[in-house]
């Protein structure tokens, strides 16, 4: 039998704040219709088995990465030298 949880319960199980769960929903990490649904007049309900599979996928992707690079924000731009001068790469 499937278990359905509200945002606060998911946050507790994942050891996150409810705001972080909402941010992940807004960012698309948790997708409507895949990980959760929203009944009319009620808050979102998460299907726990879908959240567990999402966790397993994210852990697999993290372990496959042999790249030792530092994650940078999207707004970060690499600078490369151009004739001895530093310019912003486009």
PDB file of N, CA and C in Angstrom:
ATOM      1  N   UNK A   1       0.835  -1.174   0.000  1.00  0.00           N
ATOM      2  CA  UNK A   1       0.000   0.000   0.000  1.00  0.00           C
ATOM      3  C   UNK A   1       0.885   1.244   0.000  1.00  0.00           C
ATOM      4  N   UNK A   2       0.575   2.197  -0.840  1.00  0.00           N
ATOM      5  CA  UNK A   2       1.370   3.413  -0.947  1.00  0.00           C
ATOM      6  C   UNK A   2       1.123   4.336   0.242  1.00  0.00           C
ATOM      7  N   UNK A   3       2.169   5.042   0.597  1.00  0.00           N
ATOM      8  CA  UNK A   3       2.094   5.988   1.704  1.00  0.00           C
ATOM      9  C   UNK A   3       2.179   7.398   1.137  1.00  0.00           C
ATOM     10  N   UNK A   4       1.239   8.257   1.536  1.00  0.00           N
ATOM     11  CA  UNK A   4       1.202   9.633   1.068  1.00  0.00           C
ATOM     12  C   UNK A   4       1.450  10.568   2.242  1.00  0.00           C
ATOM     13  N   UNK A   5       2.359  11.526   2.036  1.00  0.00           N
ATOM     14  CA  UNK A   5       2.795  12.412   3.109  1.00  0.00           C
ATOM     15  C   UNK A   5       2.608  13.868   2.716  1.00  0.00           C
ATOM     16  N   UNK A   6       2.376  14.703   3.721  1.00  0.00           N
ATOM     17  CA  UNK A   6       2.319  16.143   3.471  1.00  0.00           C
ATOM     18  C   UNK A   6       3.750  16.698   3.499  1.00  0.00           C
ATOM     19  N   UNK A   7       3.901  17.958   3.142  1.00  0.00           N
ATOM     20  CA  UNK A   7       5.224  18.581   3.033  1.00  0.00           C
ATOM     21  C   UNK A   7       6.009  18.476   4.341  1.00  0.00           C
ATOM     22  N   UNK A   8       5.371  18.757   5.466  1.00  0.00           N
ATOM     23  CA  UNK A   8       6.067  18.712   6.763  1.00  0.00           C
ATOM     24  C   UNK A   8       6.583  17.306   7.069  1.00  0.00           C
ATOM     25  N   UNK A   9       5.815  16.280   6.715  1.00  0.00           N
ATOM     26  CA  UNK A   9       6.237  14.905   6.971  1.00  0.00           C
ATOM     27  C   UNK A   9       7.402  14.506   6.072  1.00  0.00           C
ATOM     28  N   UNK A  10       7.359  14.924   4.817  1.00  0.00           N
ATOM     29  CA  UNK A  10       8.475  14.652   3.896  1.00  0.00           C
ATOM     30  C   UNK A  10       9.732  15.356   4.393  1.00  0.00           C
ATOM     31  N   UNK A  11       9.580  16.607   4.815  1.00  0.00           N
ATOM     32  CA  UNK A  11      10.721  17.373   5.320  1.00  0.00           C
ATOM     33  C   UNK A  11      11.333  16.688   6.537  1.00  0.00           C
ATOM     34  N   UNK A  12      10.504  16.178   7.428  1.00  0.00           N
ATOM     35  CA  UNK A  12      11.006  15.491   8.623  1.00  0.00           C
ATOM     36  C   UNK A  12      11.775  14.236   8.240  1.00  0.00           C
ATOM     37  N   UNK A  13      11.235  13.442   7.329  1.00  0.00           N
ATOM     38  CA  UNK A  13      11.904  12.200   6.926  1.00  0.00           C
ATOM     39  C   UNK A  13      13.203  12.457   6.180  1.00  0.00           C
ATOM     40  N   UNK A  14      13.247  13.528   5.402  1.00  0.00           N
ATOM     41  CA  UNK A  14      14.459  13.845   4.639  1.00  0.00           C
ATOM     42  C   UNK A  14      15.429  14.724   5.424  1.00  0.00           C
ATOM     43  N   UNK A  15      15.037  15.096   6.638  1.00  0.00           N
ATOM     44  CA  UNK A  15      15.834  15.980   7.499  1.00  0.00           C
ATOM     45  C   UNK A  15      16.117  17.308   6.814  1.00  0.00           C
ATOM     46  N   UNK A  16      15.044  17.880   6.264  1.00  0.00           N
ATOM     47  CA  UNK A  16      15.083  19.181   5.618  1.00  0.00           C
ATOM     48  C   UNK A  16      14.037  20.066   6.283  1.00  0.00           C
ATOM     49  N   UNK A  17      14.044  21.332   5.918  1.00  0.00           N
ATOM     50  CA  UNK A  17      12.979  22.213   6.380  1.00  0.00           C
ATOM     51  C   UNK A  17      11.840  22.151   5.363  1.00  0.00           C
ATOM     52  N   UNK A  18      10.618  22.432   5.783  1.00  0.00           N
ATOM     53  CA  UNK A  18       9.518  22.471   4.817  1.00  0.00           C
ATOM     54  C   UNK A  18       9.769  23.470   3.679  1.00  0.00           C
ATOM     55  N   UNK A  19      10.444  24.569   3.978  1.00  0.00           N
ATOM     56  CA  UNK A  19      10.764  25.567   2.954  1.00  0.00           C
ATOM     57  C   UNK A  19      11.675  24.971   1.876  1.00  0.00           C
ATOM     58  N   UNK A  20      12.624  24.132   2.268  1.00  0.00           N
ATOM     59  CA  UNK A  20      13.515  23.491   1.304  1.00  0.00           C
ATOM     60  C   UNK A  20      12.735  22.558   0.393  1.00  0.00           C
ATOM     61  N   UNK A  21      11.795  21.819   0.958  1.00  0.00           N
ATOM     62  CA  UNK A  21      10.954  20.939   0.144  1.00  0.00           C
ATOM     63  C   UNK A  21      10.151  21.768  -0.854  1.00  0.00           C
ATOM     64  N   UNK A  22       9.590  22.886  -0.402  1.00  0.00           N
ATOM     65  CA  UNK A  22       8.833  23.766  -1.303  1.00  0.00           C
ATOM     66  C   UNK A  22       9.734  24.343  -2.386  1.00  0.00           C
ATOM     67  N   UNK A  23      10.962  24.691  -2.036  1.00  0.00           N
ATOM     68  CA  UNK A  23      11.909  25.208  -3.033  1.00  0.00           C
ATOM     69  C   UNK A  23      12.226  24.145  -4.079  1.00  0.00           C
ATOM     70  N   UNK A  24      12.373  22.895  -3.645  1.00  0.00           N
ATOM     71  CA  UNK A  24      12.637  21.809  -4.588  1.00  0.00           C
ATOM     72  C   UNK A  24      11.437  21.571  -5.499  1.00  0.00           C
ATOM     73  N   UNK A  25      10.235  21.780  -4.966  1.00  0.00           N
ATOM     74  CA  UNK A  25       9.033  21.678  -5.792  1.00  0.00           C
ATOM     75  C   UNK A  25       9.033  22.778  -6.850  1.00  0.00           C
ATOM     76  N   UNK A  26       9.351  23.994  -6.446  1.00  0.00           N
ATOM     77  CA  UNK A  26       9.360  25.134  -7.360  1.00  0.00           C
ATOM     78  C   UNK A  26      10.465  25.001  -8.408  1.00  0.00           C
ATOM     79  N   UNK A  27      11.597  24.425  -8.015  1.00  0.00           N
ATOM     80  CA  UNK A  27      12.726  24.274  -8.931  1.00  0.00           C
ATOM     81  C   UNK A  27      12.541  23.107  -9.898  1.00  0.00           C
ATOM     82  N   UNK A  28      11.571  22.229  -9.618  1.00  0.00           N
ATOM     83  CA  UNK A  28      11.332  21.097 -10.505  1.00  0.00           C
ATOM     84  C   UNK A  28      12.008  19.818 -10.093  1.00  0.00           C
ATOM     85  N   UNK A  29      12.682  19.803  -8.952  1.00  0.00           N
ATOM     86  CA  UNK A  29      13.294  18.561  -8.479  1.00  0.00           C
ATOM     87  C   UNK A  29      12.203  17.556  -8.123  1.00  0.00           C
ATOM     88  N   UNK A  30      11.156  18.021  -7.449  1.00  0.00           N
ATOM     89  CA  UNK A  30       9.960  17.220  -7.209  1.00  0.00           C
ATOM     90  C   UNK A  30       8.928  17.678  -8.232  1.00  0.00           C
ATOM     91  N   UNK A  31       8.429  16.752  -9.043  1.00  0.00           N
ATOM     92  CA  UNK A  31       7.525  17.120 -10.130  1.00  0.00           C
ATOM     93  C   UNK A  31       6.080  16.740  -9.812  1.00  0.00           C
ATOM     94  N   UNK A  32       5.196  17.656 -10.128  1.00  0.00           N
ATOM     95  CA  UNK A  32       3.763  17.442  -9.967  1.00  0.00           C
ATOM     96  C   UNK A  32       3.334  16.299 -10.879  1.00  0.00           C
ATOM     97  N   UNK A  33       2.609  15.350 -10.324  1.00  0.00           N
ATOM     98  CA  UNK A  33       2.167  14.196 -11.090  1.00  0.00           C
ATOM     99  C   UNK A  33       3.135  13.038 -11.061  1.00  0.00           C
ATOM    100  N   UNK A  34       4.367  13.284 -10.652  1.00  0.00           N
ATOM    101  CA  UNK A  34       5.362  12.222 -10.539  1.00  0.00           C
ATOM    102  C   UNK A  34       5.650  11.949  -9.067  1.00  0.00           C
ATOM    103  N   UNK A  35       6.064  12.981  -8.353  1.00  0.00           N
ATOM    104  CA  UNK A  35       6.413  12.834  -6.941  1.00  0.00           C
ATOM    105  C   UNK A  35       5.283  13.232  -6.002  1.00  0.00           C
ATOM    106  N   UNK A  36       4.444  14.131  -6.457  1.00  0.00           N
ATOM    107  CA  UNK A  36       3.360  14.603  -5.606  1.00  0.00           C
ATOM    108  C   UNK A  36       2.154  14.999  -6.441  1.00  0.00           C
ATOM    109  N   UNK A  37       1.017  15.137  -5.779  1.00  0.00           N
ATOM    110  CA  UNK A  37      -0.184  15.663  -6.398  1.00  0.00           C
ATOM    111  C   UNK A  37      -0.803  16.657  -5.427  1.00  0.00           C
ATOM    112  N   UNK A  38      -1.690  17.484  -5.933  1.00  0.00           N
ATOM    113  CA  UNK A  38      -2.288  18.537  -5.112  1.00  0.00           C
ATOM    114  C   UNK A  38      -3.811  18.436  -5.218  1.00  0.00           C
ATOM    115  N   UNK A  39      -4.453  17.785  -4.222  1.00  0.00           N
ATOM    116  CA  UNK A  39      -5.922  17.712  -4.250  1.00  0.00           C
ATOM    117  C   UNK A  39      -6.525  19.110  -4.112  1.00  0.00           C
ATOM    118  N   UNK A  40      -7.664  19.355  -4.738  1.00  0.00           N
ATOM    119  CA  UNK A  40      -8.299  20.678  -4.627  1.00  0.00           C
ATOM    120  C   UNK A  40      -8.583  21.045  -3.169  1.00  0.00           C
ATOM    121  N   UNK A  41      -8.144  22.226  -2.777  1.00  0.00           N
ATOM    122  CA  UNK A  41      -8.392  22.723  -1.431  1.00  0.00           C
ATOM    123  C   UNK A  41      -7.484  22.151  -0.360  1.00  0.00           C
ATOM    124  N   UNK A  42      -6.492  21.367  -0.754  1.00  0.00           N
ATOM    125  CA  UNK A  42      -5.574  20.753   0.217  1.00  0.00           C
ATOM    126  C   UNK A  42      -4.133  21.026  -0.203  1.00  0.00           C
ATOM    127  N   UNK A  43      -3.209  20.806   0.724  1.00  0.00           N
ATOM    128  CA  UNK A  43      -1.804  20.970   0.360  1.00  0.00           C
ATOM    129  C   UNK A  43      -1.292  19.722  -0.354  1.00  0.00           C
ATOM    130  N   UNK A  44      -0.118  19.823  -0.908  1.00  0.00           N
ATOM    131  CA  UNK A  44       0.464  18.745  -1.705  1.00  0.00           C
ATOM    132  C   UNK A  44       0.618  17.471  -0.885  1.00  0.00           C
ATOM    133  N   UNK A  45       0.429  16.344  -1.565  1.00  0.00           N
ATOM    134  CA  UNK A  45       0.627  15.019  -0.977  1.00  0.00           C
ATOM    135  C   UNK A  45       1.707  14.321  -1.787  1.00  0.00           C
ATOM    136  N   UNK A  46       2.752  13.886  -1.105  1.00  0.00           N
ATOM    137  CA  UNK A  46       3.867  13.203  -1.747  1.00  0.00           C
ATOM    138  C   UNK A  46       3.687  11.700  -1.665  1.00  0.00           C
ATOM    139  N   UNK A  47       3.982  11.025  -2.747  1.00  0.00           N
ATOM    140  CA  UNK A  47       4.001   9.568  -2.748  1.00  0.00           C
ATOM    141  C   UNK A  47       5.399   9.159  -2.283  1.00  0.00           C
ATOM    142  N   UNK A  48       5.479   8.540  -1.117  1.00  0.00           N
ATOM    143  CA  UNK A  48       6.776   8.254  -0.496  1.00  0.00           C
ATOM    144  C   UNK A  48       7.638   7.367  -1.383  1.00  0.00           C
ATOM    145  N   UNK A  49       7.066   6.387  -2.064  1.00  0.00           N
ATOM    146  CA  UNK A  49       7.864   5.505  -2.921  1.00  0.00           C
ATOM    147  C   UNK A  49       8.512   6.295  -4.066  1.00  0.00           C
ATOM    148  N   UNK A  50       7.833   7.318  -4.576  1.00  0.00           N
ATOM    149  CA  UNK A  50       8.408   8.151  -5.636  1.00  0.00           C
ATOM    150  C   UNK A  50       9.549   9.003  -5.097  1.00  0.00           C
ATOM    151  N   UNK A  51       9.419   9.483  -3.857  1.00  0.00           N
ATOM    152  CA  UNK A  51      10.485  10.276  -3.238  1.00  0.00           C
ATOM    153  C   UNK A  51      11.711   9.394  -2.999  1.00  0.00           C
ATOM    154  N   UNK A  52      11.495   8.156  -2.554  1.00  0.00           N
ATOM    155  CA  UNK A  52      12.611   7.226  -2.326  1.00  0.00           C
ATOM    156  C   UNK A  52      13.331   6.936  -3.630  1.00  0.00           C
ATOM    157  N   UNK A  53      12.597   6.715  -4.715  1.00  0.00           N
ATOM    158  CA  UNK A  53      13.256   6.453  -6.003  1.00  0.00           C
ATOM    159  C   UNK A  53      14.022   7.683  -6.485  1.00  0.00           C
ATOM    160  N   UNK A  54      13.489   8.896  -6.222  1.00  0.00           N
ATOM    161  CA  UNK A  54      14.204  10.131  -6.560  1.00  0.00           C
ATOM    162  C   UNK A  54      15.513  10.210  -5.779  1.00  0.00           C
ATOM    163  N   UNK A  55      15.464   9.854  -4.491  1.00  0.00           N
ATOM    164  CA  UNK A  55      16.679   9.864  -3.667  1.00  0.00           C
ATOM    165  C   UNK A  55      17.714   8.884  -4.200  1.00  0.00           C
ATOM    166  N   UNK A  56      17.270   7.698  -4.569  1.00  0.00           N
ATOM    167  CA  UNK A  56      18.195   6.688  -5.089  1.00  0.00           C
ATOM    168  C   UNK A  56      18.834   7.146  -6.387  1.00  0.00           C
ATOM    169  N   UNK A  57      18.057   7.779  -7.256  1.00  0.00           N
ATOM    170  CA  UNK A  57      18.602   8.286  -8.513  1.00  0.00           C
ATOM    171  C   UNK A  57      19.612   9.391  -8.277  1.00  0.00           C
ATOM    172  N   UNK A  58      19.308  10.301  -7.348  1.00  0.00           N
ATOM    173  CA  UNK A  58      20.235  11.400  -7.087  1.00  0.00           C
ATOM    174  C   UNK A  58      21.522  10.899  -6.452  1.00  0.00           C
ATOM    175  N   UNK A  59      21.446   9.841  -5.647  1.00  0.00           N
ATOM    176  CA  UNK A  59      22.660   9.273  -5.046  1.00  0.00           C
ATOM    177  C   UNK A  59      23.495   8.562  -6.103  1.00  0.00           C
ATOM    178  N   UNK A  60      22.838   7.875  -7.039  1.00  0.00           N
ATOM    179  CA  UNK A  60      23.566   7.207  -8.114  1.00  0.00           C
ATOM    180  C   UNK A  60      24.281   8.214  -8.992  1.00  0.00           C
ATOM    181  N   UNK A  61      23.637   9.317  -9.306  1.00  0.00           N
ATOM    182  CA  UNK A  61      24.252  10.343 -10.138  1.00  0.00           C
ATOM    183  C   UNK A  61      25.435  10.974  -9.417  1.00  0.00           C
ATOM    184  N   UNK A  62      25.334  11.144  -8.117  1.00  0.00           N
ATOM    185  CA  UNK A  62      26.422  11.725  -7.338  1.00  0.00           C
ATOM    186  C   UNK A  62      27.619  10.808  -7.250  1.00  0.00           C
ATOM    187  N   UNK A  63      27.389   9.500  -7.166  1.00  0.00           N
ATOM    188  CA  UNK A  63      28.494   8.564  -7.035  1.00  0.00           C
ATOM    189  C   UNK A  63      29.180   8.309  -8.366  1.00  0.00           C
ATOM    190  N   UNK A  64      28.478   8.503  -9.483  1.00  0.00           N
ATOM    191  CA  UNK A  64      29.081   8.287 -10.800  1.00  0.00           C
ATOM    192  C   UNK A  64      30.030   9.409 -11.183  1.00  0.00           C
ATOM    193  N   UNK A  65      29.888  10.546 -10.557  1.00  0.00           N
ATOM    194  CA  UNK A  65      30.695  11.698 -10.904  1.00  0.00           C
ATOM    195  C   UNK A  65      32.113  11.548 -10.348  1.00  0.00           C
ATOM    196  N   UNK A  66      33.084  11.370 -11.236  1.00  0.00           N
ATOM    197  CA  UNK A  66      34.488  11.305 -10.834  1.00  0.00           C
ATOM    198  C   UNK A  66      35.142  12.666 -10.949  1.00  0.00           C
ATOM    199  N   UNK A  67      34.376  13.650 -11.317  1.00  0.00           N
ATOM    200  CA  UNK A  67      34.858  15.008 -11.506  1.00  0.00           C
ATOM    201  C   UNK A  67      35.117  15.646 -10.143  1.00  0.00           C
ATOM    202  N   UNK A  68      36.312  16.174  -9.936  1.00  0.00           N
ATOM    203  CA  UNK A  68      36.658  16.812  -8.671  1.00  0.00           C
ATOM    204  C   UNK A  68      36.435  18.314  -8.719  1.00  0.00           C
ATOM    205  N   UNK A  69      35.696  18.792  -9.709  1.00  0.00           N
ATOM    206  CA  UNK A  69      35.493  20.224  -9.831  1.00  0.00           C
ATOM    207  C   UNK A  69      34.560  20.739  -8.745  1.00  0.00           C
ATOM    208  N   UNK A  70      34.651  22.017  -8.501  1.00  0.00           N
ATOM    209  CA  UNK A  70      33.821  22.670  -7.500  1.00  0.00           C
ATOM    210  C   UNK A  70      32.561  23.159  -8.191  1.00  0.00           C
ATOM    211  N   UNK A  71      31.377  22.817  -7.666  1.00  0.00           N
ATOM    212  CA  UNK A  71      30.158  23.307  -8.293  1.00  0.00           C
ATOM    213  C   UNK A  71      30.065  24.826  -8.162  1.00  0.00           C
ATOM    214  N   UNK A  72      29.747  25.491  -9.256  1.00  0.00           N
ATOM    215  CA  UNK A  72      29.682  26.944  -9.273  1.00  0.00           C
ATOM    216  C   UNK A  72      28.269  27.380  -9.631  1.00  0.00           C
ATOM    217  N   UNK A  73      27.857  28.555  -9.171  1.00  0.00           N
ATOM    218  CA  UNK A  73      26.531  29.047  -9.536  1.00  0.00           C
ATOM    219  C   UNK A  73      26.445  29.330 -11.031  1.00  0.00           C
ATOM    220  N   UNK A  74      25.227  29.335 -11.548  1.00  0.00           N
ATOM    221  CA  UNK A  74      25.038  29.569 -12.981  1.00  0.00           C
ATOM    222  C   UNK A  74      25.539  30.930 -13.425  1.00  0.00           C
ATOM    223  N   UNK A  75      25.508  31.899 -12.521  1.00  0.00           N
ATOM    224  CA  UNK A  75      25.909  33.250 -12.898  1.00  0.00           C
ATOM    225  C   UNK A  75      27.428  33.410 -12.963  1.00  0.00           C
ATOM    226  N   UNK A  76      28.164  32.406 -12.511  1.00  0.00           N
ATOM    227  CA  UNK A  76      29.620  32.485 -12.508  1.00  0.00           C
ATOM    228  C   UNK A  76      30.142  32.379 -13.933  1.00  0.00           C
ATOM    229  N   UNK A  77      31.036  33.265 -14.294  1.00  0.00           N
ATOM    230  CA  UNK A  77      31.645  33.232 -15.616  1.00  0.00           C
ATOM    231  C   UNK A  77      33.140  33.033 -15.478  1.00  0.00           C
ATOM    232  N   UNK A  78      33.671  32.140 -16.277  1.00  0.00           N
ATOM    233  CA  UNK A  78      35.106  31.914 -16.264  1.00  0.00           C
ATOM    234  C   UNK A  78      35.803  33.049 -16.992  1.00  0.00           C
ATOM    235  N   UNK A  79      36.913  33.443 -16.467  1.00  0.00           N
ATOM    236  CA  UNK A  79      37.709  34.479 -17.120  1.00  0.00           C
ATOM    237  C   UNK A  79      38.898  33.809 -17.778  1.00  0.00           C
ATOM    238  N   UNK A  80      39.172  34.218 -18.991  1.00  0.00           N
ATOM    239  CA  UNK A  80      40.336  33.657 -19.674  1.00  0.00           C
ATOM    240  C   UNK A  80      41.225  34.801 -20.164  1.00  0.00           C
ATOM    241  N   UNK A  81      42.522  34.598 -20.108  1.00  0.00           N
ATOM    242  CA  UNK A  81      43.436  35.658 -20.530  1.00  0.00           C
ATOM    243  C   UNK A  81      43.366  35.872 -22.041  1.00  0.00           C
ATOM    244  N   UNK A  82      43.463  37.117 -22.441  1.00  0.00           N
ATOM    245  CA  UNK A  82      43.440  37.484 -23.861  1.00  0.00           C
ATOM    246  C   UNK A  82      44.529  38.532 -24.076  1.00  0.00           C
ATOM    247  N   UNK A  83      45.657  38.148 -24.662  1.00  0.00           N
ATOM    248  CA  UNK A  83      46.791  39.038 -24.898  1.00  0.00           C
ATOM    249  C   UNK A  83      47.295  39.671 -23.599  1.00  0.00           C
ATOM    250  N   UNK A  84      47.369  38.866 -22.562  1.00  0.00           N
ATOM    251  CA  UNK A  84      47.860  39.371 -21.298  1.00  0.00           C
ATOM    252  C   UNK A  84      46.830  40.093 -20.474  1.00  0.00           C
ATOM    253  N   UNK A  85      45.652  40.314 -21.040  1.00  0.00           N
ATOM    254  CA  UNK A  85      44.585  40.994 -20.306  1.00  0.00           C
ATOM    255  C   UNK A  85      43.541  39.972 -19.872  1.00  0.00           C
ATOM    256  N   UNK A  86      42.838  40.277 -18.831  1.00  0.00           N
ATOM    257  CA  UNK A  86      41.773  39.401 -18.357  1.00  0.00           C
ATOM    258  C   UNK A  86      40.464  39.925 -18.905  1.00  0.00           C
ATOM    259  N   UNK A  87      39.704  39.046 -19.554  1.00  0.00           N
ATOM    260  CA  UNK A  87      38.409  39.438 -20.087  1.00  0.00           C
ATOM    261  C   UNK A  87      37.374  38.395 -19.695  1.00  0.00           C
ATOM    262  N   UNK A  88      36.132  38.782 -19.721  1.00  0.00           N
ATOM    263  CA  UNK A  88      35.050  37.864 -19.378  1.00  0.00           C
ATOM    264  C   UNK A  88      34.690  37.065 -20.614  1.00  0.00           C
ATOM    265  N   UNK A  89      34.660  35.743 -20.449  1.00  0.00           N
ATOM    266  CA  UNK A  89      34.291  34.869 -21.552  1.00  0.00           C
ATOM    267  C   UNK A  89      32.787  34.914 -21.783  1.00  0.00           C
ATOM    268  N   UNK A  90      32.394  34.880 -23.041  1.00  0.00           N
ATOM    269  CA  UNK A  90      30.950  34.897 -23.314  1.00  0.00           C
ATOM    270  C   UNK A  90      30.468  33.610 -23.874  1.00  0.00           C
TER     271      UNK A  90
END
